[in-house]
Amino acid sequence: MRLPIVCSCLLLQALTGFTQAPAIYDVIIHEVMPKPTPVAGLPPYEYIELRNISTAPVQLSNWRLAVNKREVLLPVYLLQPDSLLVLCAQAAVSSYNIPNIRGIDRFPAVADDSALIILYDAFKRVIHAVDYHQGWYAGGKAGKGGISLEMINTAFPCSGKVNWMASTAPAGGTPGSVNAVAANTPDLSKPDLLFAAIADSMRVLLQFSKTLDSVLAADPARYQITGGIHITACRVQPPLFNSVELQLDAAIRPEEVYTINTSGLADCNGATSSIYNSATLGISQPPAGNDVLINEVLFYPPTGIPEFIELYNASRKVVNLNELRLCARTAGGGLGTFKKITTSGRLLMPGQLLAFTTNKDLLCSYYNCRSPENIQEVSGLPSMPLDGGDVVLLRADSTVIDELPYTSGQHFPLASELQGISLERLAYQFPASDAANWHSAAASAGYATPGWPNSQRRGNAGDSLNIVLLPEVFSPDHDGTADVTQLSWQLPGPGFMGNVTVYDLQGKPVRYLARNILMGNTGYLPWDGIGENAVVLPSGIYIFFIEIFNLQGYVKRCKRTVVMARKLN
């Protein structure tokens, strides 16, 4: 007598772990321990945790796990819905008192600084991939060791870095159990087009900030390129699906700059970008000395905030950043360890600024990153001691392009605190080795300008002093019209200090907007009608008294008048 088909299928599943073919993100990489020592409480072993977020069991037999291209087979294991499995070396299994753990012969090393981890199913299809680096640890916890990286919200498995953080568990991780950082945090990031690169004269690569909807991204109609060239085919590249290769119908021409525009692309969660949808590109040329300049450095960052180095393309060449390296001089004057700027083939266009840091999100949480597309994450920067050092920009063949010997003494002499203040280059035509060609970033610009034109620059013949207070009549009633008045300035050079005090008509100071702040060549200070006592002042006429001076004895004092009005009921 034959069993009914339904019963046969259930029996097969029970006895052999037979399951339906999984879809992408049915099983995810849920937690990673890259650097287990010194221990915080867990055993001193690396591990990778998987989680089945689907509604069906998944048989892991013949699945593969790849870490930086080294692949291993997963054991026979039926991973039930909403359950976890910890993978580690065979010798480590007995050190964990958890049932849902399996050892793997020759478990691949999980690098401390960065690694691309890919989970493949039995048909070698990408199910999930994670490309982490030290910048994923907020506050530099990676250097301490013993702390894992955990996914925050499993509803967004393709969101990358924004959905991961260092474990907050007392033991340093939660292998085999719910992540300590688990939360229903939404993903508000967008799939921005970061940059374009050239694979060859007929193929262009587009790099996006996060994983794309592959169906939409594979449609050639969603891309346009200038210069009379058309897109004939698209390929969304695994395993992260955050880059797209475009096949062109004509060759990219030397010494011509092209613009690529995208439309209607979404990430794997359906979010679209409405801002960063275009990029420029051209055929690169090898940079010579002073073609690319060191433009700004932050070597003494605030606690928990990463350093950055900013470059500027001062030439008419398109420069491939693959060809550039950063390093520090050793105590003996030799070149230290070379740091690759990028391996993505990103281009530095003529006149473009680009800042490099290990954690873009942390940097921009402290400083005003007005052009976030001009900030590039890297796995590491050369050592920059607080008292002074030497940053070298060079090609892979050791040809020096630019070099900055810096000291803390190059900061503005009246600065009482140097922590958190960057050094900005004053002029491109003067060498980086000229100590007088560097200045502290202005307080009015937030003490640093990563990816944005410097707040301090040398004065030009046409520069003049200009101080404006607009609008001359404002009403702080939060109706969206003239709610604040703004004092803006243009100064003839760097190194100016400023005091700005608001007085009422009786000559009483009611608000100290600025006290001995370091001003940039241009800048502004808003006033919303709030007095020193944090209360909105009455309507009437107010006088701004502005005092501007520098260390060379220049002093300028002036007054500007403003009317603060109220609506009549």
Protein backbone atom coordinates (compact mmCIF):
# COMPACT_ATOMS: atom_id res chain seq x y z
CA MET A 1 0.00 0.00 0.00
CA ARG A 2 1.40 3.38 -1.01
CA LEU A 3 1.51 6.27 1.40
CA PRO A 4 -0.30 9.41 0.28
CA ILE A 5 1.96 11.92 -1.45
CA VAL A 6 1.59 14.49 1.38
CA CYS A 7 2.57 11.94 4.00
CA SER A 8 5.52 10.80 1.90
CA CYS A 9 6.81 14.37 1.69
CA LEU A 10 6.46 14.88 5.43
CA LEU A 11 8.25 11.61 6.14
CA LEU A 12 11.05 12.57 3.73
CA GLN A 13 11.45 15.92 5.46
CA ALA A 14 11.53 14.35 8.89
CA LEU A 15 14.05 11.65 7.97
CA THR A 16 16.38 13.50 5.62
CA GLY A 17 15.86 17.17 6.31
CA PHE A 18 14.33 17.70 2.88
CA THR A 19 13.33 21.35 2.42
CA GLN A 20 12.31 23.70 -0.35
CA ALA A 21 15.01 25.76 -2.06
CA PRO A 22 15.69 28.84 0.09
CA ALA A 23 15.49 32.39 -1.22
CA ILE A 24 18.07 35.11 -0.74
CA TYR A 25 18.11 36.35 2.89
CA ASP A 26 16.18 33.35 4.20
CA VAL A 27 19.31 32.55 6.21
CA ILE A 28 21.49 35.45 7.29
CA ILE A 29 24.87 36.06 8.87
CA HIS A 30 23.70 37.27 12.27
CA GLU A 31 26.82 37.74 14.42
CA VAL A 32 30.58 37.71 13.85
CA MET A 33 33.46 37.51 16.31
CA PRO A 34 36.53 38.79 14.41
CA LYS A 35 38.93 39.35 17.31
CA PRO A 36 38.20 37.16 20.35
CA THR A 37 41.23 38.20 22.42
CA PRO A 38 41.79 39.67 24.87
CA VAL A 39 38.63 38.03 26.09
CA ALA A 40 35.77 40.00 27.59
CA GLY A 41 33.99 36.88 28.89
CA LEU A 42 33.58 34.48 25.96
CA PRO A 43 36.03 31.74 24.99
CA PRO A 44 39.00 32.97 22.90
CA TYR A 45 37.71 31.70 19.54
CA GLU A 46 36.34 33.25 16.39
CA TYR A 47 32.81 32.34 15.36
CA ILE A 48 30.12 33.17 12.82
CA GLU A 49 26.46 32.87 13.73
CA LEU A 50 23.67 32.12 11.22
CA ARG A 51 19.97 32.72 11.67
CA ASN A 52 17.01 31.35 9.73
CA ILE A 53 14.59 34.28 9.38
CA SER A 54 12.22 32.42 7.05
CA THR A 55 9.12 30.42 7.98
CA ALA A 56 10.48 27.08 6.75
CA PRO A 57 13.34 24.85 7.91
CA VAL A 58 16.53 25.01 5.85
CA GLN A 59 18.93 22.10 5.35
CA LEU A 60 22.52 23.42 5.34
CA SER A 61 24.06 20.31 3.83
CA ASN A 62 26.37 21.23 0.92
CA TRP A 63 26.08 24.93 1.72
CA ARG A 64 29.33 26.89 1.75
CA LEU A 65 30.76 29.67 3.85
CA ALA A 66 33.46 31.86 2.34
CA VAL A 67 35.65 34.25 4.33
CA ASN A 68 37.93 36.39 2.18
CA LYS A 69 37.65 33.81 -0.63
CA ARG A 70 38.46 30.79 1.55
CA GLU A 71 35.50 28.41 1.36
CA VAL A 72 34.40 25.59 3.65
CA LEU A 73 31.45 23.18 3.50
CA LEU A 74 28.80 23.48 6.17
CA PRO A 75 27.73 20.38 8.14
CA VAL A 76 24.45 18.55 7.71
CA TYR A 77 22.12 20.59 9.90
CA LEU A 78 18.42 21.35 9.70
CA LEU A 79 18.10 25.00 10.72
CA GLN A 80 14.60 25.54 11.96
CA PRO A 81 12.65 28.80 11.43
CA ASP A 82 13.76 31.66 13.68
CA SER A 83 16.64 29.63 15.06
CA LEU A 84 20.39 30.14 15.31
CA LEU A 85 23.52 28.13 14.54
CA VAL A 86 27.03 29.03 15.67
CA LEU A 87 29.91 27.94 13.43
CA CYS A 88 33.48 27.74 14.70
CA ALA A 89 36.61 25.59 14.66
CA GLN A 90 36.25 22.00 15.85
CA ALA A 91 38.57 22.66 18.80
CA ALA A 92 36.38 25.51 20.01
CA VAL A 93 33.04 23.66 20.28
CA SER A 94 33.58 22.23 23.75
CA SER A 95 34.37 25.67 25.16
CA TYR A 96 30.82 26.90 24.53
CA ASN A 97 28.02 25.54 26.67
CA ILE A 98 25.37 25.85 23.95
CA PRO A 99 23.56 23.13 21.95
CA ASN A 100 23.23 24.99 18.64
CA ILE A 101 26.90 24.99 17.68
CA ARG A 102 28.85 23.02 15.08
CA GLY A 103 32.55 22.77 14.43
CA ILE A 104 34.10 22.98 10.96
CA ASP A 105 37.43 21.52 9.93
CA ARG A 106 39.80 24.27 8.86
CA PHE A 107 37.39 26.97 9.91
CA PRO A 108 38.42 30.06 7.90
CA ALA A 109 40.19 32.82 9.81
CA VAL A 110 38.00 35.86 10.42
CA ALA A 111 40.34 38.81 9.95
CA ASP A 112 40.50 41.46 12.68
CA ASP A 113 40.41 44.48 10.40
CA SER A 114 38.11 43.52 7.52
CA ALA A 115 36.55 40.52 5.80
CA LEU A 116 34.01 39.64 3.14
CA ILE A 117 31.85 36.80 4.46
CA ILE A 118 29.56 35.07 1.96
CA LEU A 119 26.95 32.38 2.59
CA TYR A 120 26.17 30.19 -0.45
CA ASP A 121 23.46 27.58 -0.78
CA ALA A 122 23.99 24.13 -2.30
CA PHE A 123 23.59 25.59 -5.81
CA LYS A 124 26.29 28.26 -5.15
CA ARG A 125 23.74 31.04 -5.04
CA VAL A 126 24.47 33.96 -2.71
CA ILE A 127 22.08 33.85 0.23
CA HIS A 128 23.71 36.59 2.30
CA ALA A 129 26.97 38.51 2.40
CA VAL A 130 28.59 40.84 4.92
CA ASP A 131 31.61 43.02 4.14
CA TYR A 132 32.70 44.37 7.52
CA HIS A 133 35.70 46.43 8.58
CA GLN A 134 36.91 48.01 11.81
CA GLY A 135 34.82 51.10 11.16
CA TRP A 136 31.73 49.03 11.95
CA TYR A 137 32.77 49.19 15.60
CA ALA A 138 31.64 52.51 17.05
CA GLY A 139 34.20 54.09 19.35
CA GLY A 140 37.13 51.91 18.30
CA LYS A 141 36.04 48.86 20.31
CA ALA A 142 37.58 46.53 17.74
CA GLY A 143 41.06 47.32 19.01
CA LYS A 144 40.15 46.03 22.48
CA GLY A 145 39.13 42.58 21.27
CA GLY A 146 36.64 40.15 22.74
CA ILE A 147 33.61 41.97 21.36
CA SER A 148 31.50 40.66 18.50
CA LEU A 149 29.62 42.47 15.75
CA GLU A 150 25.85 41.92 15.90
CA MET A 151 23.03 42.62 13.47
CA ILE A 152 20.50 45.06 14.90
CA ASN A 153 17.30 44.40 12.93
CA THR A 154 16.83 41.19 10.95
CA ALA A 155 14.12 42.90 8.87
CA PHE A 156 16.94 44.71 7.04
CA PRO A 157 19.54 42.02 6.29
CA CYS A 158 20.90 43.86 3.23
CA SER A 159 21.42 47.26 4.89
CA GLY A 160 25.10 46.76 5.64
CA LYS A 161 26.97 48.80 8.21
CA VAL A 162 24.02 50.88 9.44
CA ASN A 163 22.38 47.68 10.71
CA TRP A 164 25.39 46.39 12.68
CA MET A 165 27.12 47.45 15.87
CA ALA A 166 29.40 46.16 18.59
CA SER A 167 27.70 43.78 21.02
CA THR A 168 26.63 45.33 24.30
CA ALA A 169 26.51 41.98 26.10
CA PRO A 170 28.66 41.84 29.28
CA ALA A 171 30.47 38.78 27.89
CA GLY A 172 31.24 40.60 24.63
CA GLY A 173 28.83 38.64 22.44
CA THR A 174 25.74 36.43 22.36
CA PRO A 175 26.62 33.25 20.43
CA GLY A 176 23.61 30.97 20.10
CA SER A 177 21.13 33.45 21.59
CA VAL A 178 19.32 36.70 20.80
CA ASN A 179 21.64 39.57 19.93
CA ALA A 180 22.17 42.08 22.70
CA VAL A 181 21.77 44.99 20.27
CA ALA A 182 18.56 43.63 18.70
CA ALA A 183 16.01 46.40 18.11
CA ASN A 184 13.30 47.43 15.66
CA THR A 185 15.46 50.28 14.42
CA PRO A 186 14.38 51.44 10.94
CA ASP A 187 16.82 51.79 8.07
CA LEU A 188 16.58 55.39 6.85
CA SER A 189 19.59 55.17 4.52
CA LYS A 190 19.18 55.40 0.74
CA PRO A 191 20.87 53.61 -2.17
CA ASP A 192 23.01 56.59 -3.20
CA LEU A 193 25.27 56.46 -6.24
CA LEU A 194 28.72 57.01 -4.72
CA PHE A 195 30.96 57.04 -7.77
CA ALA A 196 31.68 55.62 -11.21
CA ALA A 197 34.80 53.77 -12.34
CA ILE A 198 36.02 52.51 -15.70
CA ALA A 199 36.64 48.79 -16.11
CA ASP A 200 37.74 49.28 -19.72
CA SER A 201 36.78 51.54 -22.61
CA MET A 202 33.47 49.68 -23.12
CA ARG A 203 32.49 48.95 -19.52
CA VAL A 204 31.66 51.25 -16.62
CA LEU A 205 31.20 50.28 -12.96
CA LEU A 206 28.79 52.13 -10.69
CA GLN A 207 29.22 51.85 -6.93
CA PHE A 208 26.21 52.36 -4.67
CA SER A 209 26.04 52.88 -0.93
CA LYS A 210 24.00 49.72 -0.30
CA THR A 211 22.47 46.62 -1.84
CA LEU A 212 20.13 47.24 -4.77
CA ASP A 213 16.94 45.64 -6.01
CA SER A 214 18.63 43.49 -8.67
CA VAL A 215 15.62 43.40 -11.00
CA LEU A 216 15.39 47.18 -11.21
CA ALA A 217 19.14 47.66 -11.36
CA ALA A 218 19.48 45.26 -14.32
CA ASP A 219 17.29 47.46 -16.54
CA PRO A 220 19.45 49.49 -19.01
CA ALA A 221 16.67 52.08 -19.35
CA ARG A 222 17.43 53.29 -15.83
CA TYR A 223 20.86 54.64 -16.83
CA GLN A 224 21.87 57.49 -19.13
CA ILE A 225 25.37 58.64 -20.09
CA THR A 226 26.42 61.81 -21.88
CA GLY A 227 28.58 61.96 -25.01
CA GLY A 228 26.17 60.16 -27.34
CA ILE A 229 26.84 56.75 -25.73
CA HIS A 230 24.07 54.27 -24.88
CA ILE A 231 23.81 51.45 -22.34
CA THR A 232 23.29 48.07 -23.99
CA ALA A 233 23.32 45.78 -20.94
CA CYS A 234 23.59 45.82 -17.14
CA ARG A 235 24.91 43.32 -14.63
CA VAL A 236 24.36 43.69 -10.90
CA GLN A 237 27.46 42.21 -9.31
CA PRO A 238 27.36 39.64 -6.52
CA PRO A 239 27.89 39.02 -3.67
CA LEU A 240 26.88 42.40 -2.23
CA PHE A 241 24.77 43.54 -5.21
CA ASN A 242 25.78 47.16 -4.56
CA SER A 243 27.66 47.67 -7.82
CA VAL A 244 26.47 47.57 -11.42
CA GLU A 245 28.51 46.93 -14.56
CA LEU A 246 27.25 48.83 -17.60
CA GLN A 247 28.06 47.67 -21.13
CA LEU A 248 28.40 50.58 -23.57
CA ASP A 249 27.72 50.70 -27.30
CA ALA A 250 30.76 52.93 -27.94
CA ALA A 251 34.15 53.41 -26.35
CA ILE A 252 34.92 56.00 -23.69
CA ARG A 253 37.14 58.64 -25.30
CA PRO A 254 40.36 59.89 -23.67
CA GLU A 255 40.42 63.37 -22.14
CA GLU A 256 36.63 63.61 -22.12
CA VAL A 257 34.54 63.82 -18.97
CA TYR A 258 31.18 62.02 -18.92
CA THR A 259 28.19 62.19 -16.60
CA ILE A 260 26.07 59.16 -15.73
CA ASN A 261 22.55 59.60 -14.36
CA THR A 262 20.35 56.92 -12.81
CA SER A 263 16.60 56.89 -12.22
CA GLY A 264 14.19 54.77 -10.21
CA LEU A 265 16.74 52.50 -8.55
CA ALA A 266 15.76 51.07 -5.17
CA ASP A 267 17.50 49.10 -2.47
CA CYS A 268 16.39 45.60 -1.48
CA ASN A 269 13.90 47.17 0.96
CA GLY A 270 12.29 49.39 -1.70
CA ALA A 271 13.84 52.72 -0.67
CA THR A 272 15.00 55.07 -3.45
CA SER A 273 17.46 57.96 -3.50
CA SER A 274 16.29 61.34 -4.73
CA ILE A 275 19.57 63.22 -4.26
CA TYR A 276 22.72 61.32 -5.24
CA ASN A 277 21.86 59.86 -8.62
CA SER A 278 24.69 61.06 -10.85
CA ALA A 279 28.45 60.64 -11.16
CA THR A 280 31.23 61.85 -13.45
CA LEU A 281 34.00 59.76 -14.96
CA GLY A 282 36.81 59.80 -17.50
CA ILE A 283 39.88 57.82 -18.48
CA SER A 284 42.51 58.20 -15.77
CA GLN A 285 46.13 59.28 -16.14
CA PRO A 286 49.05 58.56 -13.76
CA PRO A 287 49.43 61.43 -11.27
CA ALA A 288 52.73 63.32 -11.10
CA GLY A 289 54.14 65.34 -8.22
CA ASN A 290 51.64 67.87 -6.81
CA ASP A 291 48.84 66.69 -9.11
CA VAL A 292 47.00 65.52 -6.00
CA LEU A 293 47.49 67.46 -2.77
CA ILE A 294 47.00 66.79 0.93
CA ASN A 295 44.42 69.45 1.78
CA GLU A 296 43.27 68.85 5.36
CA VAL A 297 44.15 66.54 8.25
CA LEU A 298 42.53 65.76 11.58
CA PHE A 299 45.25 64.09 13.66
CA TYR A 300 43.84 64.85 17.14
CA PRO A 301 40.15 63.89 16.90
CA PRO A 302 37.56 64.12 19.68
CA THR A 303 37.26 61.02 21.82
CA GLY A 304 35.45 58.29 19.90
CA ILE A 305 35.66 60.15 16.56
CA PRO A 306 38.01 58.90 13.79
CA GLU A 307 40.83 60.82 12.14
CA PHE A 308 40.64 61.88 8.50
CA ILE A 309 42.93 62.93 5.65
CA GLU A 310 41.52 64.98 2.78
CA LEU A 311 42.95 65.07 -0.76
CA TYR A 312 42.41 67.57 -3.57
CA ASN A 313 42.96 66.95 -7.29
CA ALA A 314 44.80 70.12 -8.35
CA SER A 315 45.41 68.88 -11.90
CA ARG A 316 43.33 68.53 -15.04
CA LYS A 317 43.81 64.76 -14.93
CA VAL A 318 41.32 62.12 -13.89
CA VAL A 319 43.17 60.15 -11.20
CA ASN A 320 42.44 56.53 -10.32
CA LEU A 321 42.72 56.21 -6.55
CA ASN A 322 43.88 52.61 -6.99
CA GLU A 323 47.24 54.12 -7.95
CA LEU A 324 47.65 56.11 -4.72
CA ARG A 325 48.88 55.15 -1.28
CA LEU A 326 49.20 56.92 2.08
CA CYS A 327 51.93 56.31 4.63
CA ALA A 328 53.80 57.93 7.49
CA ARG A 329 57.52 58.59 7.72
CA THR A 330 59.37 56.37 10.15
CA ALA A 331 61.63 57.76 12.89
CA GLY A 332 64.60 57.12 10.60
CA GLY A 333 63.02 59.06 7.74
CA GLY A 334 62.00 56.05 5.66
CA LEU A 335 58.56 55.27 4.30
CA GLY A 336 56.27 53.38 6.65
CA THR A 337 53.63 50.82 5.77
CA PHE A 338 51.69 51.76 2.65
CA LYS A 339 47.94 52.12 3.12
CA LYS A 340 45.77 51.55 0.05
CA ILE A 341 43.29 54.35 -0.40
CA THR A 342 40.81 52.11 -2.19
CA THR A 343 40.62 48.99 -4.32
CA SER A 344 37.33 49.97 -5.96
CA GLY A 345 38.79 51.97 -8.85
CA ARG A 346 37.16 55.18 -7.61
CA LEU A 347 38.16 58.23 -9.64
CA LEU A 348 39.26 61.60 -8.29
CA MET A 349 38.04 64.13 -10.81
CA PRO A 350 39.79 67.46 -11.52
CA GLY A 351 39.02 69.96 -8.77
CA GLN A 352 37.44 67.32 -6.53
CA LEU A 353 37.94 67.00 -2.78
CA LEU A 354 37.77 63.62 -1.08
CA ALA A 355 38.23 62.91 2.64
CA PHE A 356 39.28 59.46 3.89
CA THR A 357 38.30 58.10 7.29
CA THR A 358 37.70 54.74 8.96
CA ASN A 359 34.12 55.53 9.99
CA LYS A 360 32.10 57.98 7.92
CA ASP A 361 29.01 57.81 10.14
CA LEU A 362 30.94 58.62 13.30
CA LEU A 363 32.86 61.44 11.63
CA CYS A 364 29.69 63.01 10.28
CA SER A 365 27.89 62.62 13.60
CA TYR A 366 30.34 65.17 15.02
CA TYR A 367 31.25 67.39 12.07
CA ASN A 368 29.03 68.99 9.46
CA CYS A 369 29.63 66.82 6.39
CA ARG A 370 28.04 69.10 3.83
CA SER A 371 29.02 66.81 0.95
CA PRO A 372 28.85 63.23 2.34
CA GLU A 373 29.48 61.85 -1.15
CA ASN A 374 32.99 63.30 -0.84
CA ILE A 375 33.88 61.13 2.16
CA GLN A 376 35.34 57.66 1.56
CA GLU A 377 35.68 54.95 4.19
CA VAL A 378 39.00 53.08 4.34
CA SER A 379 40.15 50.18 6.47
CA GLY A 380 42.99 52.18 8.00
CA LEU A 381 45.01 55.39 7.87
CA PRO A 382 48.71 55.94 8.54
CA SER A 383 49.73 56.75 12.09
CA MET A 384 49.37 60.45 12.95
CA PRO A 385 50.93 61.19 16.37
CA LEU A 386 49.40 64.05 18.34
CA ASP A 387 52.60 66.07 18.73
CA GLY A 388 53.64 65.84 15.08
CA GLY A 389 54.40 63.53 12.20
CA ASP A 390 54.78 63.24 8.46
CA VAL A 391 51.97 62.15 6.12
CA VAL A 392 53.07 61.04 2.65
CA LEU A 393 50.89 60.66 -0.45
CA LEU A 394 52.55 58.51 -3.07
CA ARG A 395 52.00 56.16 -5.96
CA ALA A 396 52.26 52.41 -5.65
CA ASP A 397 55.75 52.63 -7.22
CA SER A 398 56.87 54.88 -4.29
CA THR A 399 56.84 58.11 -6.32
CA VAL A 400 55.98 60.85 -3.81
CA ILE A 401 53.05 63.02 -4.95
CA ASP A 402 52.77 65.26 -1.88
CA GLU A 403 54.07 65.26 1.69
CA LEU A 404 52.91 67.04 4.84
CA PRO A 405 55.26 67.37 7.81
CA TYR A 406 52.94 68.63 10.55
CA THR A 407 53.24 69.65 14.20
CA SER A 408 50.73 70.80 16.78
CA GLY A 409 52.52 74.16 16.63
CA GLN A 410 50.93 74.85 13.24
CA HIS A 411 47.60 75.40 14.95
CA PHE A 412 46.38 78.90 15.72
CA PRO A 413 48.47 80.22 18.64
CA LEU A 414 45.46 81.43 20.64
CA ALA A 415 43.66 78.09 20.45
CA SER A 416 43.26 76.88 24.03
CA GLU A 417 42.27 73.34 23.03
CA LEU A 418 43.59 71.51 19.94
CA GLN A 419 41.54 68.35 20.23
CA GLY A 420 38.92 68.14 17.51
CA ILE A 421 40.42 70.90 15.33
CA SER A 422 41.74 70.04 11.86
CA LEU A 423 44.63 71.65 9.99
CA GLU A 424 43.60 73.18 6.66
CA ARG A 425 45.82 74.05 3.70
CA LEU A 426 45.68 77.76 2.89
CA ALA A 427 46.80 77.72 -0.76
CA TYR A 428 47.26 75.03 -3.38
CA GLN A 429 50.14 76.85 -5.09
CA PHE A 430 52.34 76.76 -1.97
CA PRO A 431 53.94 73.49 -0.79
CA ALA A 432 52.59 71.35 2.01
CA SER A 433 56.04 71.52 3.63
CA ASP A 434 55.56 75.28 4.24
CA ALA A 435 54.36 75.40 7.85
CA ALA A 436 52.83 78.83 7.22
CA ASN A 437 50.57 77.27 4.58
CA TRP A 438 48.44 75.57 7.25
CA HIS A 439 45.93 76.93 9.71
CA SER A 440 43.39 75.70 12.24
CA ALA A 441 39.90 75.24 10.82
CA ALA A 442 37.47 77.95 11.83
CA ALA A 443 35.16 77.57 14.82
CA SER A 444 32.37 79.03 12.71
CA ALA A 445 32.78 76.04 10.33
CA GLY A 446 32.67 73.49 13.14
CA TYR A 447 36.48 73.14 13.45
CA ALA A 448 36.77 70.85 10.40
CA THR A 449 35.46 70.68 6.84
CA PRO A 450 35.81 67.06 5.60
CA GLY A 451 34.86 66.76 1.92
CA TRP A 452 34.11 70.49 1.70
CA PRO A 453 36.21 73.59 0.74
CA ASN A 454 38.45 74.74 3.57
CA SER A 455 37.21 77.43 5.92
CA GLN A 456 40.62 79.11 5.90
CA ARG A 457 42.52 80.25 2.78
CA ARG A 458 45.11 82.80 1.79
CA GLY A 459 43.71 86.19 0.86
CA ASN A 460 43.59 87.26 -2.76
CA ALA A 461 43.98 90.75 -4.13
CA GLY A 462 40.23 90.99 -4.67
CA ASP A 463 39.29 89.90 -1.15
CA SER A 464 37.78 92.52 1.14
CA LEU A 465 36.00 92.85 4.44
CA ASN A 466 32.25 92.52 4.12
CA ILE A 467 29.80 92.13 7.04
CA VAL A 468 26.08 91.79 6.43
CA LEU A 469 23.09 91.27 8.76
CA LEU A 470 19.99 89.95 6.95
CA PRO A 471 17.07 90.10 7.07
CA GLU A 472 16.96 93.52 8.68
CA VAL A 473 13.50 92.69 10.03
CA PHE A 474 12.76 89.21 11.41
CA SER A 475 10.04 87.58 13.49
CA PRO A 476 10.92 84.47 15.56
CA ASP A 477 7.40 83.02 15.52
CA HIS A 478 8.28 79.70 13.84
CA ASP A 479 6.06 80.28 10.83
CA GLY A 480 8.86 79.40 8.45
CA THR A 481 9.35 82.99 7.26
CA ALA A 482 12.21 85.19 8.55
CA ASP A 483 12.37 83.30 11.85
CA VAL A 484 16.07 84.14 12.30
CA THR A 485 18.43 86.90 11.27
CA GLN A 486 21.92 85.97 10.13
CA LEU A 487 25.22 87.78 10.45
CA SER A 488 27.49 86.73 7.58
CA TRP A 489 30.98 87.82 6.67
CA GLN A 490 33.71 87.72 4.09
CA LEU A 491 37.23 88.34 5.40
CA PRO A 492 40.45 89.15 3.51
CA GLY A 493 42.45 86.19 4.84
CA PRO A 494 42.83 83.49 7.52
CA GLY A 495 43.45 83.88 11.23
CA PHE A 496 40.77 86.40 12.21
CA MET A 497 39.14 86.23 15.63
CA GLY A 498 35.72 87.65 16.37
CA ASN A 499 33.42 88.87 19.12
CA VAL A 500 29.73 89.46 18.43
CA THR A 501 27.44 90.93 21.09
CA VAL A 502 23.76 91.86 20.75
CA TYR A 503 22.60 94.98 22.64
CA ASP A 504 19.14 96.43 23.23
CA LEU A 505 18.38 100.14 22.71
CA GLN A 506 19.27 100.90 26.36
CA GLY A 507 22.83 99.65 25.69
CA LYS A 508 22.40 96.47 27.72
CA PRO A 509 24.07 93.31 26.32
CA VAL A 510 21.34 90.71 25.85
CA ARG A 511 23.19 87.98 23.95
CA TYR A 512 26.85 87.04 23.44
CA LEU A 513 26.77 85.30 20.06
CA ALA A 514 30.54 84.83 19.82
CA ARG A 515 33.46 85.27 22.18
CA ASN A 516 36.93 85.09 20.67
CA ILE A 517 35.93 82.56 18.04
CA LEU A 518 38.27 81.67 15.18
CA MET A 519 36.49 82.89 12.06
CA GLY A 520 36.80 81.46 8.56
CA ASN A 521 37.23 83.49 5.40
CA THR A 522 33.48 83.23 5.07
CA GLY A 523 30.92 82.22 7.63
CA TYR A 524 27.75 83.13 9.45
CA LEU A 525 26.10 83.28 12.86
CA PRO A 526 22.31 83.02 13.17
CA TRP A 527 20.24 84.68 15.91
CA ASP A 528 16.71 83.55 16.74
CA GLY A 529 15.85 86.31 19.20
CA ILE A 530 16.80 84.27 22.27
CA GLY A 531 18.62 86.15 25.06
CA GLU A 532 21.29 84.94 27.47
CA ASN A 533 18.55 83.76 29.84
CA ALA A 534 17.26 81.37 27.11
CA VAL A 535 14.00 83.36 26.81
CA VAL A 536 12.69 85.07 23.65
CA LEU A 537 13.35 88.78 23.97
CA PRO A 538 10.62 91.40 23.39
CA SER A 539 10.15 92.93 19.96
CA GLY A 540 12.12 96.04 19.20
CA ILE A 541 15.40 97.30 17.74
CA TYR A 542 18.64 95.46 18.55
CA ILE A 543 22.22 96.37 17.75
CA PHE A 544 24.96 93.89 16.79
CA PHE A 545 28.41 95.05 17.91
CA ILE A 546 31.07 93.19 15.90
CA GLU A 547 34.77 93.21 16.69
CA ILE A 548 37.20 91.46 14.35
CA PHE A 549 40.97 91.26 14.92
CA ASN A 550 44.05 89.19 14.14
CA LEU A 551 47.52 88.61 15.59
CA GLN A 552 49.06 91.16 13.24
CA GLY A 553 47.27 94.00 15.04
CA TYR A 554 44.39 94.47 12.64
CA VAL A 555 41.20 95.53 14.44
CA LYS A 556 37.82 96.30 12.89
CA ARG A 557 34.75 97.31 14.90
CA CYS A 558 31.33 97.93 13.44
CA LYS A 559 27.62 97.92 14.25
CA ARG A 560 24.62 96.49 12.47
CA THR A 561 20.97 97.07 13.39
CA VAL A 562 18.05 94.65 13.21
CA VAL A 563 14.34 94.89 14.04
CA MET A 564 12.68 91.98 15.81
CA ALA A 565 8.94 92.10 15.10
CA ARG A 566 5.87 90.29 16.38
CA LYS A 567 2.62 89.55 14.59
CA LEU A 568 -0.40 91.50 15.82
CA ASN A 569 -3.31 89.40 17.05
